[in-house]
């Protein structure tokens, strides 16, 4: 079964992430987990991307790991930790 990630906008103007096709809950759609995962990703990226850019000047591989951390670690852990 394919997983479809869709970002929609509610009437309140707050963007929410919807992930359908999952088997982790009864309705097979996740809203809270991906949305909180995206918010955690954004917060981590604001801190880690500038830091990673500075480190990249001296140690390239370390800088690349720092800049990739929000996408590789933060978003998946938060998104998968919340089953709804």
PDB file of N, CA and C in Angstrom:
ATOM      1  N   UNK A   1       0.845  -1.166   0.000  1.00  0.00           N
ATOM      2  CA  UNK A   1       0.000   0.000   0.000  1.00  0.00           C
ATOM      3  C   UNK A   1       0.896   1.236   0.000  1.00  0.00           C
ATOM      4  N   UNK A   2       0.623   2.152  -0.874  1.00  0.00           N
ATOM      5  CA  UNK A   2       1.429   3.361  -0.987  1.00  0.00           C
ATOM      6  C   UNK A   2       1.035   4.363   0.085  1.00  0.00           C
ATOM      7  N   UNK A   3       1.995   5.127   0.520  1.00  0.00           N
ATOM      8  CA  UNK A   3       1.756   6.170   1.510  1.00  0.00           C
ATOM      9  C   UNK A   3       1.708   7.501   0.777  1.00  0.00           C
ATOM     10  N   UNK A   4       0.631   8.226   0.964  1.00  0.00           N
ATOM     11  CA  UNK A   4       0.471   9.522   0.315  1.00  0.00           C
ATOM     12  C   UNK A   4       0.616  10.619   1.359  1.00  0.00           C
ATOM     13  N   UNK A   5       1.562  11.505   1.155  1.00  0.00           N
ATOM     14  CA  UNK A   5       1.737  12.646   2.043  1.00  0.00           C
ATOM     15  C   UNK A   5       1.140  13.868   1.368  1.00  0.00           C
ATOM     16  N   UNK A   6       0.235  14.519   2.045  1.00  0.00           N
ATOM     17  CA  UNK A   6      -0.434  15.689   1.493  1.00  0.00           C
ATOM     18  C   UNK A   6      -0.421  16.775   2.554  1.00  0.00           C
ATOM     19  N   UNK A   7      -0.083  17.978   2.154  1.00  0.00           N
ATOM     20  CA  UNK A   7      -0.163  19.110   3.063  1.00  0.00           C
ATOM     21  C   UNK A   7      -1.383  19.920   2.679  1.00  0.00           C
ATOM     22  N   UNK A   8      -2.291  20.118   3.621  1.00  0.00           N
ATOM     23  CA  UNK A   8      -3.512  20.860   3.350  1.00  0.00           C
ATOM     24  C   UNK A   8      -3.596  22.067   4.259  1.00  0.00           C
ATOM     25  N   UNK A   9      -4.522  22.942   3.941  1.00  0.00           N
ATOM     26  CA  UNK A   9      -4.703  24.146   4.735  1.00  0.00           C
ATOM     27  C   UNK A   9      -6.149  24.160   5.234  1.00  0.00           C
ATOM     28  N   UNK A  10      -6.315  24.250   6.540  1.00  0.00           N
ATOM     29  CA  UNK A  10      -7.651  24.309   7.120  1.00  0.00           C
ATOM     30  C   UNK A  10      -8.196  25.719   6.971  1.00  0.00           C
ATOM     31  N   UNK A  11      -9.431  25.907   7.368  1.00  0.00           N
ATOM     32  CA  UNK A  11     -10.052  27.223   7.277  1.00  0.00           C
ATOM     33  C   UNK A  11      -9.385  28.238   8.191  1.00  0.00           C
ATOM     34  N   UNK A  12      -8.748  27.786   9.249  1.00  0.00           N
ATOM     35  CA  UNK A  12      -8.095  28.702  10.169  1.00  0.00           C
ATOM     36  C   UNK A  12      -6.785  29.234   9.621  1.00  0.00           C
ATOM     37  N   UNK A  13      -6.285  28.653   8.513  1.00  0.00           N
ATOM     38  CA  UNK A  13      -5.038  29.112   7.927  1.00  0.00           C
ATOM     39  C   UNK A  13      -3.816  28.389   8.456  1.00  0.00           C
ATOM     40  N   UNK A  14      -4.001  27.432   9.365  1.00  0.00           N
ATOM     41  CA  UNK A  14      -2.886  26.682   9.930  1.00  0.00           C
ATOM     42  C   UNK A  14      -2.606  25.470   9.055  1.00  0.00           C
ATOM     43  N   UNK A  15      -1.398  25.352   8.509  1.00  0.00           N
ATOM     44  CA  UNK A  15      -1.120  24.189   7.658  1.00  0.00           C
ATOM     45  C   UNK A  15      -1.001  22.921   8.500  1.00  0.00           C
ATOM     46  N   UNK A  16      -1.592  21.859   8.006  1.00  0.00           N
ATOM     47  CA  UNK A  16      -1.480  20.576   8.699  1.00  0.00           C
ATOM     48  C   UNK A  16      -1.022  19.524   7.704  1.00  0.00           C
ATOM     49  N   UNK A  17      -0.237  18.594   8.174  1.00  0.00           N
ATOM     50  CA  UNK A  17       0.269  17.513   7.330  1.00  0.00           C
ATOM     51  C   UNK A  17      -0.617  16.299   7.529  1.00  0.00           C
ATOM     52  N   UNK A  18      -1.012  15.671   6.447  1.00  0.00           N
ATOM     53  CA  UNK A  18      -1.855  14.485   6.508  1.00  0.00           C
ATOM     54  C   UNK A  18      -1.110  13.355   5.818  1.00  0.00           C
ATOM     55  N   UNK A  19      -1.015  12.236   6.480  1.00  0.00           N
ATOM     56  CA  UNK A  19      -0.345  11.062   5.923  1.00  0.00           C
ATOM     57  C   UNK A  19      -1.357   9.925   5.914  1.00  0.00           C
ATOM     58  N   UNK A  20      -1.828   9.544   4.739  1.00  0.00           N
ATOM     59  CA  UNK A  20      -2.833   8.482   4.619  1.00  0.00           C
ATOM     60  C   UNK A  20      -2.182   7.200   4.121  1.00  0.00           C
ATOM     61  N   UNK A  21      -2.831   6.081   4.425  1.00  0.00           N
ATOM     62  CA  UNK A  21      -2.335   4.787   3.998  1.00  0.00           C
ATOM     63  C   UNK A  21      -1.460   4.112   5.033  1.00  0.00           C
ATOM     64  N   UNK A  22      -1.454   4.588   6.259  1.00  0.00           N
ATOM     65  CA  UNK A  22      -0.659   3.966   7.310  1.00  0.00           C
ATOM     66  C   UNK A  22      -1.492   2.907   8.023  1.00  0.00           C
ATOM     67  N   UNK A  23      -0.836   1.991   8.694  1.00  0.00           N
ATOM     68  CA  UNK A  23      -1.531   0.948   9.433  1.00  0.00           C
ATOM     69  C   UNK A  23      -1.384   1.133  10.944  1.00  0.00           C
ATOM     70  N   UNK A  24      -0.923   2.304  11.376  1.00  0.00           N
ATOM     71  CA  UNK A  24      -0.657   2.502  12.800  1.00  0.00           C
ATOM     72  C   UNK A  24      -1.888   2.919  13.597  1.00  0.00           C
ATOM     73  N   UNK A  25      -3.003   3.210  12.936  1.00  0.00           N
ATOM     74  CA  UNK A  25      -4.221   3.532  13.668  1.00  0.00           C
ATOM     75  C   UNK A  25      -5.429   3.049  12.872  1.00  0.00           C
ATOM     76  N   UNK A  26      -6.599   3.107  13.475  1.00  0.00           N
ATOM     77  CA  UNK A  26      -7.798   2.528  12.870  1.00  0.00           C
ATOM     78  C   UNK A  26      -8.265   3.274  11.618  1.00  0.00           C
ATOM     79  N   UNK A  27      -8.162   4.579  11.598  1.00  0.00           N
ATOM     80  CA  UNK A  27      -8.666   5.329  10.441  1.00  0.00           C
ATOM     81  C   UNK A  27      -7.656   5.370   9.295  1.00  0.00           C
ATOM     82  N   UNK A  28      -6.453   4.884   9.510  1.00  0.00           N
ATOM     83  CA  UNK A  28      -5.390   4.805   8.503  1.00  0.00           C
ATOM     84  C   UNK A  28      -4.960   6.159   7.959  1.00  0.00           C
ATOM     85  N   UNK A  29      -5.206   7.209   8.711  1.00  0.00           N
ATOM     86  CA  UNK A  29      -4.710   8.540   8.360  1.00  0.00           C
ATOM     87  C   UNK A  29      -4.109   9.171   9.607  1.00  0.00           C
ATOM     88  N   UNK A  30      -2.991   9.833   9.433  1.00  0.00           N
ATOM     89  CA  UNK A  30      -2.321  10.509  10.545  1.00  0.00           C
ATOM     90  C   UNK A  30      -2.331  12.005  10.282  1.00  0.00           C
ATOM     91  N   UNK A  31      -2.671  12.790  11.286  1.00  0.00           N
ATOM     92  CA  UNK A  31      -2.657  14.242  11.161  1.00  0.00           C
ATOM     93  C   UNK A  31      -1.738  14.843  12.213  1.00  0.00           C
ATOM     94  N   UNK A  32      -1.900  14.442  13.455  1.00  0.00           N
ATOM     95  CA  UNK A  32      -1.163  15.050  14.564  1.00  0.00           C
ATOM     96  C   UNK A  32       0.330  14.736  14.490  1.00  0.00           C
ATOM     97  N   UNK A  33       0.688  13.487  14.260  1.00  0.00           N
ATOM     98  CA  UNK A  33       2.099  13.091  14.224  1.00  0.00           C
ATOM     99  C   UNK A  33       2.903  13.813  13.160  1.00  0.00           C
ATOM    100  N   UNK A  34       2.461  13.779  11.882  1.00  0.00           N
ATOM    101  CA  UNK A  34       3.217  14.496  10.851  1.00  0.00           C
ATOM    102  C   UNK A  34       3.258  16.006  11.050  1.00  0.00           C
ATOM    103  N   UNK A  35       2.171  16.577  11.595  1.00  0.00           N
ATOM    104  CA  UNK A  35       2.164  18.027  11.826  1.00  0.00           C
ATOM    105  C   UNK A  35       3.163  18.406  12.910  1.00  0.00           C
ATOM    106  N   UNK A  36       3.148  17.676  14.028  1.00  0.00           N
ATOM    107  CA  UNK A  36       4.124  17.961  15.080  1.00  0.00           C
ATOM    108  C   UNK A  36       5.543  17.628  14.626  1.00  0.00           C
ATOM    109  N   UNK A  37       5.686  16.602  13.789  1.00  0.00           N
ATOM    110  CA  UNK A  37       6.987  16.268  13.224  1.00  0.00           C
ATOM    111  C   UNK A  37       7.523  17.399  12.369  1.00  0.00           C
ATOM    112  N   UNK A  38       6.649  18.016  11.569  1.00  0.00           N
ATOM    113  CA  UNK A  38       7.066  19.144  10.744  1.00  0.00           C
ATOM    114  C   UNK A  38       7.461  20.337  11.603  1.00  0.00           C
ATOM    115  N   UNK A  39       6.694  20.614  12.658  1.00  0.00           N
ATOM    116  CA  UNK A  39       7.041  21.738  13.544  1.00  0.00           C
ATOM    117  C   UNK A  39       8.379  21.495  14.249  1.00  0.00           C
ATOM    118  N   UNK A  40       8.614  20.254  14.698  1.00  0.00           N
ATOM    119  CA  UNK A  40       9.894  19.923  15.331  1.00  0.00           C
ATOM    120  C   UNK A  40      11.035  20.026  14.318  1.00  0.00           C
ATOM    121  N   UNK A  41      10.773  19.596  13.077  1.00  0.00           N
ATOM    122  CA  UNK A  41      11.754  19.721  12.001  1.00  0.00           C
ATOM    123  C   UNK A  41      12.119  21.181  11.779  1.00  0.00           C
ATOM    124  N   UNK A  42      11.120  22.064  11.734  1.00  0.00           N
ATOM    125  CA  UNK A  42      11.369  23.484  11.479  1.00  0.00           C
ATOM    126  C   UNK A  42      12.185  24.120  12.604  1.00  0.00           C
ATOM    127  N   UNK A  43      11.854  23.779  13.842  1.00  0.00           N
ATOM    128  CA  UNK A  43      12.602  24.329  14.982  1.00  0.00           C
ATOM    129  C   UNK A  43      14.052  23.842  14.962  1.00  0.00           C
ATOM    130  N   UNK A  44      14.235  22.544  14.716  1.00  0.00           N
ATOM    131  CA  UNK A  44      15.594  21.997  14.665  1.00  0.00           C
ATOM    132  C   UNK A  44      16.373  22.583  13.494  1.00  0.00           C
ATOM    133  N   UNK A  45      15.707  22.791  12.362  1.00  0.00           N
ATOM    134  CA  UNK A  45      16.391  23.333  11.184  1.00  0.00           C
ATOM    135  C   UNK A  45      16.854  24.768  11.402  1.00  0.00           C
ATOM    136  N   UNK A  46      16.062  25.560  12.099  1.00  0.00           N
ATOM    137  CA  UNK A  46      16.448  26.951  12.370  1.00  0.00           C
ATOM    138  C   UNK A  46      17.737  27.000  13.185  1.00  0.00           C
ATOM    139  N   UNK A  47      17.923  26.044  14.054  1.00  0.00           N
ATOM    140  CA  UNK A  47      19.124  26.011  14.890  1.00  0.00           C
ATOM    141  C   UNK A  47      20.286  25.316  14.172  1.00  0.00           C
ATOM    142  N   UNK A  48      20.010  24.171  13.547  1.00  0.00           N
ATOM    143  CA  UNK A  48      21.091  23.324  13.052  1.00  0.00           C
ATOM    144  C   UNK A  48      21.625  23.708  11.678  1.00  0.00           C
ATOM    145  N   UNK A  49      20.813  24.291  10.807  1.00  0.00           N
ATOM    146  CA  UNK A  49      21.320  24.630   9.480  1.00  0.00           C
ATOM    147  C   UNK A  49      22.390  25.719   9.508  1.00  0.00           C
ATOM    148  N   UNK A  50      22.210  26.834  10.247  1.00  0.00           N
ATOM    149  CA  UNK A  50      23.307  27.811  10.310  1.00  0.00           C
ATOM    150  C   UNK A  50      24.562  27.245  10.986  1.00  0.00           C
ATOM    151  N   UNK A  51      24.354  26.464  12.041  1.00  0.00           N
ATOM    152  CA  UNK A  51      25.483  25.835  12.714  1.00  0.00           C
ATOM    153  C   UNK A  51      26.201  24.871  11.772  1.00  0.00           C
ATOM    154  N   UNK A  52      25.445  24.080  11.032  1.00  0.00           N
ATOM    155  CA  UNK A  52      26.033  23.149  10.077  1.00  0.00           C
ATOM    156  C   UNK A  52      26.775  23.853   8.962  1.00  0.00           C
ATOM    157  N   UNK A  53      26.275  25.023   8.542  1.00  0.00           N
ATOM    158  CA  UNK A  53      26.952  25.788   7.489  1.00  0.00           C
ATOM    159  C   UNK A  53      28.310  26.283   7.952  1.00  0.00           C
ATOM    160  N   UNK A  54      28.390  26.697   9.204  1.00  0.00           N
ATOM    161  CA  UNK A  54      29.679  27.158   9.746  1.00  0.00           C
ATOM    162  C   UNK A  54      30.636  25.980   9.890  1.00  0.00           C
ATOM    163  N   UNK A  55      30.161  24.870  10.406  1.00  0.00           N
ATOM    164  CA  UNK A  55      31.005  23.688  10.572  1.00  0.00           C
ATOM    165  C   UNK A  55      31.446  23.154   9.211  1.00  0.00           C
ATOM    166  N   UNK A  56      30.585  23.266   8.197  1.00  0.00           N
ATOM    167  CA  UNK A  56      30.883  22.778   6.846  1.00  0.00           C
ATOM    168  C   UNK A  56      32.131  23.442   6.266  1.00  0.00           C
ATOM    169  N   UNK A  57      32.387  24.673   6.659  1.00  0.00           N
ATOM    170  CA  UNK A  57      33.576  25.380   6.155  1.00  0.00           C
ATOM    171  C   UNK A  57      34.866  24.690   6.577  1.00  0.00           C
ATOM    172  N   UNK A  58      34.850  24.026   7.729  1.00  0.00           N
ATOM    173  CA  UNK A  58      36.063  23.409   8.255  1.00  0.00           C
ATOM    174  C   UNK A  58      36.052  21.881   8.138  1.00  0.00           C
ATOM    175  N   UNK A  59      34.928  21.271   8.406  1.00  0.00           N
ATOM    176  CA  UNK A  59      34.786  19.814   8.330  1.00  0.00           C
ATOM    177  C   UNK A  59      33.523  19.511   7.543  1.00  0.00           C
ATOM    178  N   UNK A  60      33.697  19.178   6.275  1.00  0.00           N
ATOM    179  CA  UNK A  60      32.562  19.054   5.369  1.00  0.00           C
ATOM    180  C   UNK A  60      31.595  17.937   5.749  1.00  0.00           C
ATOM    181  N   UNK A  61      32.079  16.772   6.030  1.00  0.00           N
ATOM    182  CA  UNK A  61      31.183  15.656   6.349  1.00  0.00           C
ATOM    183  C   UNK A  61      30.406  15.912   7.639  1.00  0.00           C
ATOM    184  N   UNK A  62      31.055  16.468   8.630  1.00  0.00           N
ATOM    185  CA  UNK A  62      30.389  16.781   9.897  1.00  0.00           C
ATOM    186  C   UNK A  62      29.307  17.841   9.675  1.00  0.00           C
ATOM    187  N   UNK A  63      29.614  18.860   8.875  1.00  0.00           N
ATOM    188  CA  UNK A  63      28.635  19.895   8.562  1.00  0.00           C
ATOM    189  C   UNK A  63      27.425  19.341   7.821  1.00  0.00           C
ATOM    190  N   UNK A  64      27.657  18.425   6.896  1.00  0.00           N
ATOM    191  CA  UNK A  64      26.556  17.810   6.154  1.00  0.00           C
ATOM    192  C   UNK A  64      25.683  16.966   7.069  1.00  0.00           C
ATOM    193  N   UNK A  65      26.307  16.252   8.008  1.00  0.00           N
ATOM    194  CA  UNK A  65      25.521  15.460   8.967  1.00  0.00           C
ATOM    195  C   UNK A  65      24.674  16.356   9.855  1.00  0.00           C
ATOM    196  N   UNK A  66      25.238  17.483  10.291  1.00  0.00           N
ATOM    197  CA  UNK A  66      24.490  18.410  11.145  1.00  0.00           C
ATOM    198  C   UNK A  66      23.298  18.986  10.381  1.00  0.00           C
ATOM    199  N   UNK A  67      23.520  19.386   9.122  1.00  0.00           N
ATOM    200  CA  UNK A  67      22.429  19.977   8.347  1.00  0.00           C
ATOM    201  C   UNK A  67      21.359  18.951   7.971  1.00  0.00           C
ATOM    202  N   UNK A  68      21.706  17.690   7.869  1.00  0.00           N
ATOM    203  CA  UNK A  68      20.737  16.662   7.534  1.00  0.00           C
ATOM    204  C   UNK A  68      20.009  16.072   8.723  1.00  0.00           C
ATOM    205  N   UNK A  69      20.444  16.390   9.922  1.00  0.00           N
ATOM    206  CA  UNK A  69      19.866  15.831  11.142  1.00  0.00           C
ATOM    207  C   UNK A  69      18.361  16.073  11.273  1.00  0.00           C
ATOM    208  N   UNK A  70      17.840  17.273  11.009  1.00  0.00           N
ATOM    209  CA  UNK A  70      16.383  17.449  11.154  1.00  0.00           C
ATOM    210  C   UNK A  70      15.564  16.531  10.248  1.00  0.00           C
ATOM    211  N   UNK A  71      16.005  16.322   9.032  1.00  0.00           N
ATOM    212  CA  UNK A  71      15.243  15.484   8.097  1.00  0.00           C
ATOM    213  C   UNK A  71      15.446  13.991   8.357  1.00  0.00           C
ATOM    214  N   UNK A  72      16.657  13.598   8.757  1.00  0.00           N
ATOM    215  CA  UNK A  72      16.953  12.183   8.967  1.00  0.00           C
ATOM    216  C   UNK A  72      16.497  11.670  10.316  1.00  0.00           C
ATOM    217  N   UNK A  73      16.535  12.495  11.348  1.00  0.00           N
ATOM    218  CA  UNK A  73      16.292  12.010  12.704  1.00  0.00           C
ATOM    219  C   UNK A  73      15.067  12.648  13.350  1.00  0.00           C
ATOM    220  N   UNK A  74      14.994  13.966  13.368  1.00  0.00           N
ATOM    221  CA  UNK A  74      13.954  14.665  14.133  1.00  0.00           C
ATOM    222  C   UNK A  74      12.559  14.388  13.576  1.00  0.00           C
ATOM    223  N   UNK A  75      12.340  14.658  12.291  1.00  0.00           N
ATOM    224  CA  UNK A  75      11.004  14.478  11.710  1.00  0.00           C
ATOM    225  C   UNK A  75      10.502  13.035  11.822  1.00  0.00           C
ATOM    226  N   UNK A  76      11.292  12.022  11.419  1.00  0.00           N
ATOM    227  CA  UNK A  76      10.759  10.654  11.525  1.00  0.00           C
ATOM    228  C   UNK A  76      10.464  10.209  12.953  1.00  0.00           C
ATOM    229  N   UNK A  77      11.304  10.571  13.904  1.00  0.00           N
ATOM    230  CA  UNK A  77      11.064  10.134  15.289  1.00  0.00           C
ATOM    231  C   UNK A  77       9.799  10.750  15.865  1.00  0.00           C
ATOM    232  N   UNK A  78       9.604  12.046  15.642  1.00  0.00           N
ATOM    233  CA  UNK A  78       8.407  12.709  16.184  1.00  0.00           C
ATOM    234  C   UNK A  78       7.166  12.224  15.450  1.00  0.00           C
ATOM    235  N   UNK A  79       7.235  12.113  14.147  1.00  0.00           N
ATOM    236  CA  UNK A  79       6.085  11.695  13.347  1.00  0.00           C
ATOM    237  C   UNK A  79       5.642  10.281  13.685  1.00  0.00           C
ATOM    238  N   UNK A  80       6.577   9.370  13.872  1.00  0.00           N
ATOM    239  CA  UNK A  80       6.234   7.972  14.155  1.00  0.00           C
ATOM    240  C   UNK A  80       5.896   7.738  15.628  1.00  0.00           C
ATOM    241  N   UNK A  81       6.277   8.643  16.505  1.00  0.00           N
ATOM    242  CA  UNK A  81       6.002   8.461  17.928  1.00  0.00           C
ATOM    243  C   UNK A  81       4.535   8.714  18.254  1.00  0.00           C
ATOM    244  N   UNK A  82       3.848   9.498  17.432  1.00  0.00           N
ATOM    245  CA  UNK A  82       2.456   9.842  17.692  1.00  0.00           C
ATOM    246  C   UNK A  82       1.597   9.103  16.659  1.00  0.00           C
ATOM    247  N   UNK A  83       0.773   8.150  17.075  1.00  0.00           N
ATOM    248  CA  UNK A  83       0.069   7.300  16.115  1.00  0.00           C
ATOM    249  C   UNK A  83      -1.177   7.933  15.489  1.00  0.00           C
ATOM    250  N   UNK A  84      -1.553   9.138  15.854  1.00  0.00           N
ATOM    251  CA  UNK A  84      -2.768   9.717  15.260  1.00  0.00           C
ATOM    252  C   UNK A  84      -2.463  10.895  14.380  1.00  0.00           C
TER     253      UNK A  84
END
